[in-house]
Amino acid sequence: MNGIYSIFPEFEAFQRKNLERHVVSLHKRILNQLQLTAPERYDLFLKQYPDIEQYTPNYHIASYLGITQQSLSRIRVKNAKK
């Protein structure tokens, strides 16, 4: 990478910004896992990624939210009744 940075110095700044955004995103996700309830995390997930449920298996969504597939199913049933 150092060779690329010496040839294209603007690439280093781009990569640093990209890494900073990624770290902030991970930090927010960790805080959400610790502070929010499972239904709140699910609602936030739907706001952030509105159409992803159509293309993503339930076990991936449940894993991302830190819950079981059964809990995800119960949360969806409760949200459908609202």
N, C-alpha and C. Protein backbone atom coordinates (compact mmCIF):
# COMPACT_ATOMS: atom_id res chain seq x y z
N MET A 1 0.82 -1.20 0.00
CA MET A 1 0.00 0.00 0.00
C MET A 1 0.86 1.26 0.00
N ASN A 2 1.99 1.21 0.69
CA ASN A 2 2.84 2.41 0.74
C ASN A 2 3.28 2.83 -0.64
N GLY A 3 3.52 1.85 -1.53
CA GLY A 3 3.90 2.18 -2.90
C GLY A 3 2.80 2.92 -3.63
N ILE A 4 1.56 2.47 -3.43
CA ILE A 4 0.42 3.14 -4.05
C ILE A 4 0.25 4.55 -3.50
N TYR A 5 0.43 4.69 -2.18
CA TYR A 5 0.29 6.01 -1.57
C TYR A 5 1.35 6.98 -2.08
N SER A 6 2.56 6.48 -2.33
CA SER A 6 3.60 7.39 -2.82
C SER A 6 3.32 7.80 -4.27
N ILE A 7 2.71 6.92 -5.05
CA ILE A 7 2.37 7.26 -6.43
C ILE A 7 1.12 8.13 -6.49
N PHE A 8 0.12 7.78 -5.66
CA PHE A 8 -1.16 8.51 -5.63
C PHE A 8 -1.43 8.99 -4.21
N PRO A 9 -0.85 10.11 -3.78
CA PRO A 9 -1.02 10.57 -2.40
C PRO A 9 -2.48 10.90 -2.04
N GLU A 10 -3.28 11.29 -3.01
CA GLU A 10 -4.69 11.60 -2.72
C GLU A 10 -5.47 10.34 -2.34
N PHE A 11 -4.98 9.19 -2.76
CA PHE A 11 -5.62 7.92 -2.42
C PHE A 11 -5.53 7.64 -0.92
N GLU A 12 -4.44 8.04 -0.30
CA GLU A 12 -4.27 7.84 1.15
C GLU A 12 -5.33 8.61 1.93
N ALA A 13 -5.57 9.85 1.55
CA ALA A 13 -6.60 10.65 2.23
C ALA A 13 -7.98 10.03 2.03
N PHE A 14 -8.23 9.55 0.82
CA PHE A 14 -9.50 8.90 0.52
C PHE A 14 -9.69 7.65 1.39
N GLN A 15 -8.66 6.84 1.48
CA GLN A 15 -8.73 5.62 2.28
C GLN A 15 -8.89 5.93 3.76
N ARG A 16 -8.21 6.95 4.24
CA ARG A 16 -8.33 7.33 5.65
C ARG A 16 -9.76 7.76 5.97
N LYS A 17 -10.36 8.58 5.10
CA LYS A 17 -11.75 9.01 5.31
C LYS A 17 -12.70 7.82 5.28
N ASN A 18 -12.46 6.93 4.35
CA ASN A 18 -13.28 5.73 4.24
C ASN A 18 -13.20 4.90 5.51
N LEU A 19 -12.00 4.72 6.04
CA LEU A 19 -11.80 3.98 7.28
C LEU A 19 -12.48 4.68 8.46
N GLU A 20 -12.38 5.99 8.52
CA GLU A 20 -13.03 6.74 9.60
C GLU A 20 -14.53 6.55 9.56
N ARG A 21 -15.14 6.61 8.38
CA ARG A 21 -16.58 6.39 8.26
C ARG A 21 -16.97 4.99 8.72
N HIS A 22 -16.15 4.03 8.36
CA HIS A 22 -16.42 2.64 8.74
C HIS A 22 -16.33 2.46 10.26
N VAL A 23 -15.34 3.04 10.89
CA VAL A 23 -15.19 2.94 12.34
C VAL A 23 -16.37 3.59 13.05
N VAL A 24 -16.80 4.75 12.58
CA VAL A 24 -17.95 5.43 13.17
C VAL A 24 -19.20 4.57 13.02
N SER A 25 -19.39 3.98 11.87
CA SER A 25 -20.54 3.12 11.62
C SER A 25 -20.54 1.91 12.57
N LEU A 26 -19.39 1.29 12.73
CA LEU A 26 -19.29 0.15 13.65
C LEU A 26 -19.54 0.56 15.10
N HIS A 27 -19.03 1.72 15.46
CA HIS A 27 -19.23 2.23 16.82
C HIS A 27 -20.72 2.45 17.09
N LYS A 28 -21.42 3.05 16.14
CA LYS A 28 -22.87 3.26 16.30
C LYS A 28 -23.60 1.94 16.41
N ARG A 29 -23.20 0.97 15.60
CA ARG A 29 -23.86 -0.34 15.64
C ARG A 29 -23.66 -1.01 17.00
N ILE A 30 -22.46 -0.94 17.54
CA ILE A 30 -22.19 -1.53 18.85
C ILE A 30 -23.02 -0.85 19.93
N LEU A 31 -23.06 0.47 19.89
CA LEU A 31 -23.87 1.20 20.88
C LEU A 31 -25.34 0.85 20.77
N ASN A 32 -25.84 0.71 19.55
CA ASN A 32 -27.23 0.32 19.36
C ASN A 32 -27.50 -1.07 19.93
N GLN A 33 -26.56 -1.98 19.74
CA GLN A 33 -26.72 -3.34 20.27
C GLN A 33 -26.83 -3.31 21.79
N LEU A 34 -26.10 -2.40 22.42
CA LEU A 34 -26.07 -2.33 23.88
C LEU A 34 -27.24 -1.53 24.47
N GLN A 35 -27.72 -0.54 23.74
CA GLN A 35 -28.68 0.40 24.31
C GLN A 35 -30.12 0.17 23.87
N LEU A 36 -30.33 -0.35 22.68
CA LEU A 36 -31.69 -0.47 22.15
C LEU A 36 -32.25 -1.86 22.37
N THR A 37 -33.57 -1.92 22.47
CA THR A 37 -34.23 -3.22 22.54
C THR A 37 -34.25 -3.84 21.14
N ALA A 38 -34.56 -5.13 21.09
CA ALA A 38 -34.60 -5.82 19.79
C ALA A 38 -35.61 -5.17 18.84
N PRO A 39 -36.84 -4.85 19.28
CA PRO A 39 -37.77 -4.18 18.36
C PRO A 39 -37.27 -2.81 17.89
N GLU A 40 -36.60 -2.09 18.76
CA GLU A 40 -36.04 -0.79 18.36
C GLU A 40 -34.93 -0.97 17.33
N ARG A 41 -34.09 -1.98 17.53
CA ARG A 41 -33.03 -2.26 16.56
C ARG A 41 -33.64 -2.66 15.21
N TYR A 42 -34.71 -3.44 15.25
CA TYR A 42 -35.38 -3.86 14.01
C TYR A 42 -35.97 -2.64 13.28
N ASP A 43 -36.63 -1.77 14.01
CA ASP A 43 -37.20 -0.56 13.40
C ASP A 43 -36.10 0.32 12.79
N LEU A 44 -35.00 0.47 13.49
CA LEU A 44 -33.88 1.25 12.97
C LEU A 44 -33.30 0.58 11.72
N PHE A 45 -33.21 -0.74 11.74
CA PHE A 45 -32.73 -1.49 10.59
C PHE A 45 -33.61 -1.23 9.37
N LEU A 46 -34.93 -1.26 9.57
CA LEU A 46 -35.85 -1.02 8.46
C LEU A 46 -35.73 0.41 7.92
N LYS A 47 -35.46 1.37 8.79
CA LYS A 47 -35.28 2.74 8.34
C LYS A 47 -33.98 2.90 7.55
N GLN A 48 -32.93 2.23 8.01
CA GLN A 48 -31.64 2.35 7.34
C GLN A 48 -31.59 1.59 6.03
N TYR A 49 -32.24 0.42 5.99
CA TYR A 49 -32.20 -0.44 4.81
C TYR A 49 -33.62 -0.86 4.44
N PRO A 50 -34.42 0.04 3.89
CA PRO A 50 -35.86 -0.22 3.71
C PRO A 50 -36.21 -1.41 2.81
N ASP A 51 -35.45 -1.70 1.79
CA ASP A 51 -35.83 -2.78 0.86
C ASP A 51 -34.99 -4.04 1.01
N ILE A 52 -34.13 -4.09 1.98
CA ILE A 52 -33.19 -5.21 2.08
C ILE A 52 -33.87 -6.52 2.47
N GLU A 53 -35.01 -6.44 3.14
CA GLU A 53 -35.70 -7.66 3.57
C GLU A 53 -36.10 -8.55 2.41
N GLN A 54 -36.34 -7.95 1.26
CA GLN A 54 -36.75 -8.73 0.09
C GLN A 54 -35.63 -9.61 -0.43
N TYR A 55 -34.39 -9.21 -0.18
CA TYR A 55 -33.24 -9.87 -0.79
C TYR A 55 -32.35 -10.62 0.19
N THR A 56 -32.62 -10.48 1.48
CA THR A 56 -31.74 -11.03 2.49
C THR A 56 -32.44 -12.11 3.30
N PRO A 57 -31.80 -13.25 3.50
CA PRO A 57 -32.42 -14.31 4.32
C PRO A 57 -32.63 -13.85 5.77
N ASN A 58 -33.66 -14.40 6.38
CA ASN A 58 -34.00 -14.01 7.76
C ASN A 58 -32.84 -14.26 8.73
N TYR A 59 -32.11 -15.35 8.53
CA TYR A 59 -31.04 -15.64 9.49
C TYR A 59 -29.93 -14.60 9.42
N HIS A 60 -29.73 -13.98 8.26
CA HIS A 60 -28.74 -12.89 8.17
C HIS A 60 -29.23 -11.65 8.91
N ILE A 61 -30.50 -11.34 8.73
CA ILE A 61 -31.07 -10.17 9.41
C ILE A 61 -31.04 -10.37 10.91
N ALA A 62 -31.46 -11.55 11.36
CA ALA A 62 -31.46 -11.84 12.80
C ALA A 62 -30.05 -11.76 13.37
N SER A 63 -29.10 -12.30 12.66
CA SER A 63 -27.70 -12.26 13.11
C SER A 63 -27.21 -10.82 13.20
N TYR A 64 -27.52 -10.02 12.20
CA TYR A 64 -27.12 -8.61 12.19
C TYR A 64 -27.70 -7.88 13.40
N LEU A 65 -28.94 -8.22 13.75
CA LEU A 65 -29.61 -7.56 14.87
C LEU A 65 -29.23 -8.16 16.22
N GLY A 66 -28.55 -9.29 16.21
CA GLY A 66 -28.14 -9.92 17.46
C GLY A 66 -29.28 -10.65 18.15
N ILE A 67 -30.21 -11.19 17.37
CA ILE A 67 -31.36 -11.90 17.93
C ILE A 67 -31.53 -13.23 17.18
N THR A 68 -32.42 -14.07 17.70
CA THR A 68 -32.69 -15.34 17.03
C THR A 68 -33.71 -15.12 15.91
N GLN A 69 -33.82 -16.09 15.02
CA GLN A 69 -34.81 -16.00 13.95
C GLN A 69 -36.23 -16.01 14.53
N GLN A 70 -36.42 -16.75 15.61
CA GLN A 70 -37.73 -16.79 16.25
C GLN A 70 -38.11 -15.42 16.81
N SER A 71 -37.14 -14.75 17.43
CA SER A 71 -37.40 -13.41 17.96
C SER A 71 -37.72 -12.44 16.83
N LEU A 72 -37.01 -12.56 15.73
CA LEU A 72 -37.27 -11.72 14.57
C LEU A 72 -38.69 -11.94 14.07
N SER A 73 -39.11 -13.18 14.02
CA SER A 73 -40.46 -13.50 13.58
C SER A 73 -41.51 -12.88 14.51
N ARG A 74 -41.29 -12.99 15.82
CA ARG A 74 -42.24 -12.40 16.78
C ARG A 74 -42.29 -10.88 16.64
N ILE A 75 -41.15 -10.25 16.43
CA ILE A 75 -41.11 -8.79 16.26
C ILE A 75 -41.88 -8.38 15.01
N ARG A 76 -41.70 -9.14 13.94
CA ARG A 76 -42.42 -8.83 12.69
C ARG A 76 -43.93 -8.97 12.87
N VAL A 77 -44.37 -9.99 13.59
CA VAL A 77 -45.80 -10.18 13.82
C VAL A 77 -46.36 -8.99 14.61
N LYS A 78 -45.64 -8.57 15.64
CA LYS A 78 -46.09 -7.42 16.44
C LYS A 78 -46.11 -6.15 15.60
N ASN A 79 -45.12 -5.96 14.74
CA ASN A 79 -45.09 -4.76 13.89
C ASN A 79 -46.23 -4.78 12.86
N ALA A 80 -46.60 -5.96 12.39
CA ALA A 80 -47.67 -6.07 11.41
C ALA A 80 -49.01 -5.69 12.02
N LYS A 81 -49.16 -5.93 13.33
CA LYS A 81 -50.42 -5.60 14.01
C LYS A 81 -50.57 -4.12 14.28
N LYS A 82 -49.46 -3.39 14.22
CA LYS A 82 -49.52 -1.94 14.51
C LYS A 82 -50.23 -1.19 13.41
